[in-house]
PDB file of N, CA and C in Angstrom:
ATOM      1  N   MET A   1       8.047 -36.666  -1.295  1.00  0.00           N
ATOM      2  CA  MET A   1       9.035 -37.026  -2.292  1.00  0.00           C
ATOM      3  C   MET A   1      10.391 -37.148  -1.599  1.00  0.00           C
ATOM      4  N   LYS A   2      11.132 -38.185  -1.930  1.00  0.00           N
ATOM      5  CA  LYS A   2      12.426 -38.451  -1.326  1.00  0.00           C
ATOM      6  C   LYS A   2      13.536 -38.202  -2.336  1.00  0.00           C
ATOM      7  N   VAL A   3      14.579 -37.527  -1.891  1.00  0.00           N
ATOM      8  CA  VAL A   3      15.761 -37.312  -2.730  1.00  0.00           C
ATOM      9  C   VAL A   3      16.694 -38.498  -2.519  1.00  0.00           C
ATOM     10  N   LEU A   4      17.119 -39.091  -3.615  1.00  0.00           N
ATOM     11  CA  LEU A   4      17.984 -40.262  -3.541  1.00  0.00           C
ATOM     12  C   LEU A   4      19.444 -39.852  -3.406  1.00  0.00           C
ATOM     13  N   ASP A   5      20.197 -40.643  -2.672  1.00  0.00           N
ATOM     14  CA  ASP A   5      21.632 -40.387  -2.585  1.00  0.00           C
ATOM     15  C   ASP A   5      22.339 -41.088  -3.746  1.00  0.00           C
ATOM     16  N   HIS A   6      23.663 -40.911  -3.825  1.00  0.00           N
ATOM     17  CA  HIS A   6      24.446 -41.434  -4.948  1.00  0.00           C
ATOM     18  C   HIS A   6      24.284 -42.951  -5.107  1.00  0.00           C
ATOM     19  N   LEU A   7      24.376 -43.680  -4.013  1.00  0.00           N
ATOM     20  CA  LEU A   7      24.270 -45.142  -4.059  1.00  0.00           C
ATOM     21  C   LEU A   7      22.883 -45.569  -4.533  1.00  0.00           C
ATOM     22  N   GLN A   8      21.853 -44.915  -4.050  1.00  0.00           N
ATOM     23  CA  GLN A   8      20.488 -45.261  -4.455  1.00  0.00           C
ATOM     24  C   GLN A   8      20.263 -44.993  -5.938  1.00  0.00           C
ATOM     25  N   ILE A   9      20.826 -43.904  -6.443  1.00  0.00           N
ATOM     26  CA  ILE A   9      20.695 -43.600  -7.873  1.00  0.00           C
ATOM     27  C   ILE A   9      21.394 -44.675  -8.698  1.00  0.00           C
ATOM     28  N   GLN A  10      22.601 -45.081  -8.273  1.00  0.00           N
ATOM     29  CA  GLN A  10      23.320 -46.148  -8.976  1.00  0.00           C
ATOM     30  C   GLN A  10      22.508 -47.431  -8.991  1.00  0.00           C
ATOM     31  N   GLN A  11      21.888 -47.774  -7.862  1.00  0.00           N
ATOM     32  CA  GLN A  11      21.084 -48.999  -7.782  1.00  0.00           C
ATOM     33  C   GLN A  11      19.884 -48.920  -8.723  1.00  0.00           C
ATOM     34  N   LYS A  12      19.229 -47.772  -8.781  1.00  0.00           N
ATOM     35  CA  LYS A  12      18.062 -47.603  -9.663  1.00  0.00           C
ATOM     36  C   LYS A  12      18.474 -47.736 -11.125  1.00  0.00           C
ATOM     37  N   ILE A  13      19.585 -47.098 -11.490  1.00  0.00           N
ATOM     38  CA  ILE A  13      20.056 -47.174 -12.880  1.00  0.00           C
ATOM     39  C   ILE A  13      20.434 -48.603 -13.248  1.00  0.00           C
ATOM     40  N   LYS A  14      21.097 -49.301 -12.325  1.00  0.00           N
ATOM     41  CA  LYS A  14      21.468 -50.699 -12.574  1.00  0.00           C
ATOM     42  C   LYS A  14      20.228 -51.566 -12.762  1.00  0.00           C
ATOM     43  N   ARG A  15      19.202 -51.359 -11.940  1.00  0.00           N
ATOM     44  CA  ARG A  15      17.964 -52.123 -12.060  1.00  0.00           C
ATOM     45  C   ARG A  15      17.278 -51.848 -13.386  1.00  0.00           C
ATOM     46  N   ILE A  16      17.251 -50.588 -13.799  1.00  0.00           N
ATOM     47  CA  ILE A  16      16.656 -50.228 -15.096  1.00  0.00           C
ATOM     48  C   ILE A  16      17.412 -50.908 -16.224  1.00  0.00           C
ATOM     49  N   ALA A  17      18.754 -50.930 -16.137  1.00  0.00           N
ATOM     50  CA  ALA A  17      19.573 -51.586 -17.168  1.00  0.00           C
ATOM     51  C   ALA A  17      19.246 -53.076 -17.250  1.00  0.00           C
ATOM     52  N   TYR A  18      19.107 -53.729 -16.092  1.00  0.00           N
ATOM     53  CA  TYR A  18      18.759 -55.153 -16.101  1.00  0.00           C
ATOM     54  C   TYR A  18      17.377 -55.375 -16.688  1.00  0.00           C
ATOM     55  N   GLU A  19      16.430 -54.511 -16.387  1.00  0.00           N
ATOM     56  CA  GLU A  19      15.078 -54.650 -16.937  1.00  0.00           C
ATOM     57  C   GLU A  19      15.092 -54.496 -18.451  1.00  0.00           C
ATOM     58  N   ILE A  20      15.857 -53.537 -18.951  1.00  0.00           N
ATOM     59  CA  ILE A  20      15.966 -53.355 -20.405  1.00  0.00           C
ATOM     60  C   ILE A  20      16.569 -54.600 -21.035  1.00  0.00           C
ATOM     61  N   PHE A  21      17.620 -55.136 -20.424  1.00  0.00           N
ATOM     62  CA  PHE A  21      18.253 -56.345 -20.945  1.00  0.00           C
ATOM     63  C   PHE A  21      17.284 -57.524 -20.923  1.00  0.00           C
ATOM     64  N   GLU A  22      16.583 -57.719 -19.802  1.00  0.00           N
ATOM     65  CA  GLU A  22      15.668 -58.851 -19.665  1.00  0.00           C
ATOM     66  C   GLU A  22      14.545 -58.800 -20.685  1.00  0.00           C
ATOM     67  N   LYS A  23      14.049 -57.620 -21.000  1.00  0.00           N
ATOM     68  CA  LYS A  23      12.942 -57.480 -21.936  1.00  0.00           C
ATOM     69  C   LYS A  23      13.393 -57.506 -23.393  1.00  0.00           C
ATOM     70  N   ASN A  24      14.702 -57.383 -23.622  1.00  0.00           N
ATOM     71  CA  ASN A  24      15.222 -57.313 -24.994  1.00  0.00           C
ATOM     72  C   ASN A  24      16.373 -58.272 -25.235  1.00  0.00           C
ATOM     73  N   TYR A  25      16.439 -59.359 -24.476  1.00  0.00           N
ATOM     74  CA  TYR A  25      17.594 -60.266 -24.555  1.00  0.00           C
ATOM     75  C   TYR A  25      17.777 -60.890 -25.928  1.00  0.00           C
ATOM     76  N   ASP A  26      16.716 -61.016 -26.695  1.00  0.00           N
ATOM     77  CA  ASP A  26      16.819 -61.647 -28.014  1.00  0.00           C
ATOM     78  C   ASP A  26      16.949 -60.628 -29.149  1.00  0.00           C
ATOM     79  N   THR A  27      17.082 -59.363 -28.811  1.00  0.00           N
ATOM     80  CA  THR A  27      17.217 -58.303 -29.802  1.00  0.00           C
ATOM     81  C   THR A  27      18.665 -58.222 -30.284  1.00  0.00           C
ATOM     82  N   GLN A  28      18.851 -58.092 -31.599  1.00  0.00           N
ATOM     83  CA  GLN A  28      20.202 -58.014 -32.159  1.00  0.00           C
ATOM     84  C   GLN A  28      20.848 -56.654 -31.896  1.00  0.00           C
ATOM     85  N   LYS A  29      20.062 -55.582 -32.036  1.00  0.00           N
ATOM     86  CA  LYS A  29      20.567 -54.230 -31.800  1.00  0.00           C
ATOM     87  C   LYS A  29      19.562 -53.483 -30.935  1.00  0.00           C
ATOM     88  N   LEU A  30      20.090 -52.697 -30.016  1.00  0.00           N
ATOM     89  CA  LEU A  30      19.236 -51.904 -29.137  1.00  0.00           C
ATOM     90  C   LEU A  30      19.861 -50.525 -29.002  1.00  0.00           C
ATOM     91  N   PHE A  31      19.097 -49.496 -29.295  1.00  0.00           N
ATOM     92  CA  PHE A  31      19.586 -48.126 -29.198  1.00  0.00           C
ATOM     93  C   PHE A  31      18.862 -47.424 -28.054  1.00  0.00           C
ATOM     94  N   LEU A  32      19.628 -46.844 -27.163  1.00  0.00           N
ATOM     95  CA  LEU A  32      19.073 -46.034 -26.082  1.00  0.00           C
ATOM     96  C   LEU A  32      19.416 -44.585 -26.389  1.00  0.00           C
ATOM     97  N   VAL A  33      18.406 -43.749 -26.448  1.00  0.00           N
ATOM     98  CA  VAL A  33      18.605 -42.361 -26.821  1.00  0.00           C
ATOM     99  C   VAL A  33      18.058 -41.478 -25.709  1.00  0.00           C
ATOM    100  N   GLY A  34      18.836 -40.494 -25.342  1.00  0.00           N
ATOM    101  CA  GLY A  34      18.394 -39.536 -24.333  1.00  0.00           C
ATOM    102  C   GLY A  34      18.461 -38.131 -24.898  1.00  0.00           C
ATOM    103  N   ILE A  35      17.651 -37.266 -24.351  1.00  0.00           N
ATOM    104  CA  ILE A  35      17.639 -35.875 -24.783  1.00  0.00           C
ATOM    105  C   ILE A  35      18.061 -35.015 -23.594  1.00  0.00           C
ATOM    106  N   ASN A  36      19.135 -34.267 -23.782  1.00  0.00           N
ATOM    107  CA  ASN A  36      19.626 -33.374 -22.735  1.00  0.00           C
ATOM    108  C   ASN A  36      18.990 -32.015 -22.950  1.00  0.00           C
ATOM    109  N   ILE A  37      18.099 -31.620 -22.044  1.00  0.00           N
ATOM    110  CA  ILE A  37      17.423 -30.328 -22.188  1.00  0.00           C
ATOM    111  C   ILE A  37      18.076 -29.242 -21.341  1.00  0.00           C
ATOM    112  N   MET A  38      19.087 -29.614 -20.594  1.00  0.00           N
ATOM    113  CA  MET A  38      19.784 -28.635 -19.760  1.00  0.00           C
ATOM    114  C   MET A  38      20.776 -27.858 -20.620  1.00  0.00           C
ATOM    115  N   VAL A  39      20.767 -26.553 -20.489  1.00  0.00           N
ATOM    116  CA  VAL A  39      21.701 -25.713 -21.229  1.00  0.00           C
ATOM    117  C   VAL A  39      23.065 -25.748 -20.559  1.00  0.00           C
ATOM    118  N   MET A  40      23.068 -25.824 -19.231  1.00  0.00           N
ATOM    119  CA  MET A  40      24.317 -25.874 -18.482  1.00  0.00           C
ATOM    120  C   MET A  40      24.184 -26.940 -17.401  1.00  0.00           C
ATOM    121  N   PRO A  41      25.309 -27.466 -16.930  1.00  0.00           N
ATOM    122  CA  PRO A  41      25.251 -28.441 -15.848  1.00  0.00           C
ATOM    123  C   PRO A  41      24.522 -27.857 -14.635  1.00  0.00           C
ATOM    124  N   LEU A  42      23.812 -28.693 -13.933  1.00  0.00           N
ATOM    125  CA  LEU A  42      22.997 -28.256 -12.809  1.00  0.00           C
ATOM    126  C   LEU A  42      23.815 -27.522 -11.760  1.00  0.00           C
ATOM    127  N   HIS A  43      25.041 -27.980 -11.504  1.00  0.00           N
ATOM    128  CA  HIS A  43      25.838 -27.338 -10.469  1.00  0.00           C
ATOM    129  C   HIS A  43      26.145 -25.886 -10.812  1.00  0.00           C
ATOM    130  N   ASN A  44      26.152 -25.524 -12.093  1.00  0.00           N
ATOM    131  CA  ASN A  44      26.397 -24.135 -12.483  1.00  0.00           C
ATOM    132  C   ASN A  44      25.237 -23.231 -12.105  1.00  0.00           C
ATOM    133  N   CYS A  45      24.036 -23.781 -11.977  1.00  0.00           N
ATOM    134  CA  CYS A  45      22.877 -22.984 -11.621  1.00  0.00           C
ATOM    135  C   CYS A  45      22.971 -22.446 -10.202  1.00  0.00           C
ATOM    136  N   PHE A  46      23.771 -23.086  -9.376  1.00  0.00           N
ATOM    137  CA  PHE A  46      23.848 -22.711  -7.971  1.00  0.00           C
ATOM    138  C   PHE A  46      25.089 -21.907  -7.639  1.00  0.00           C
ATOM    139  N   LEU A  47      25.934 -21.645  -8.630  1.00  0.00           N
ATOM    140  CA  LEU A  47      27.129 -20.842  -8.384  1.00  0.00           C
ATOM    141  C   LEU A  47      26.782 -19.364  -8.464  1.00  0.00           C
ATOM    142  N   SER A  48      27.263 -18.603  -7.538  1.00  0.00           N
ATOM    143  CA  SER A  48      27.012 -17.152  -7.591  1.00  0.00           C
ATOM    144  C   SER A  48      28.061 -16.476  -8.456  1.00  0.00           C
ATOM    145  N   ASN A  49      27.682 -15.403  -9.083  1.00  0.00           N
ATOM    146  CA  ASN A  49      28.596 -14.680  -9.989  1.00  0.00           C
ATOM    147  C   ASN A  49      29.560 -13.826  -9.219  1.00  0.00           C
TER     148      ASN A  49
END
């Protein structure tokens, strides 16, 4: 498994956005919904008390 860097993540998200647009170009309304299951930001998990 490879960890992506910031630029690679941006490229993947941009590609996903284009795919969503291409598959739904004739749609009048499109709702994208995400579920945040994290209680705290990830960076807080690594901070020591």
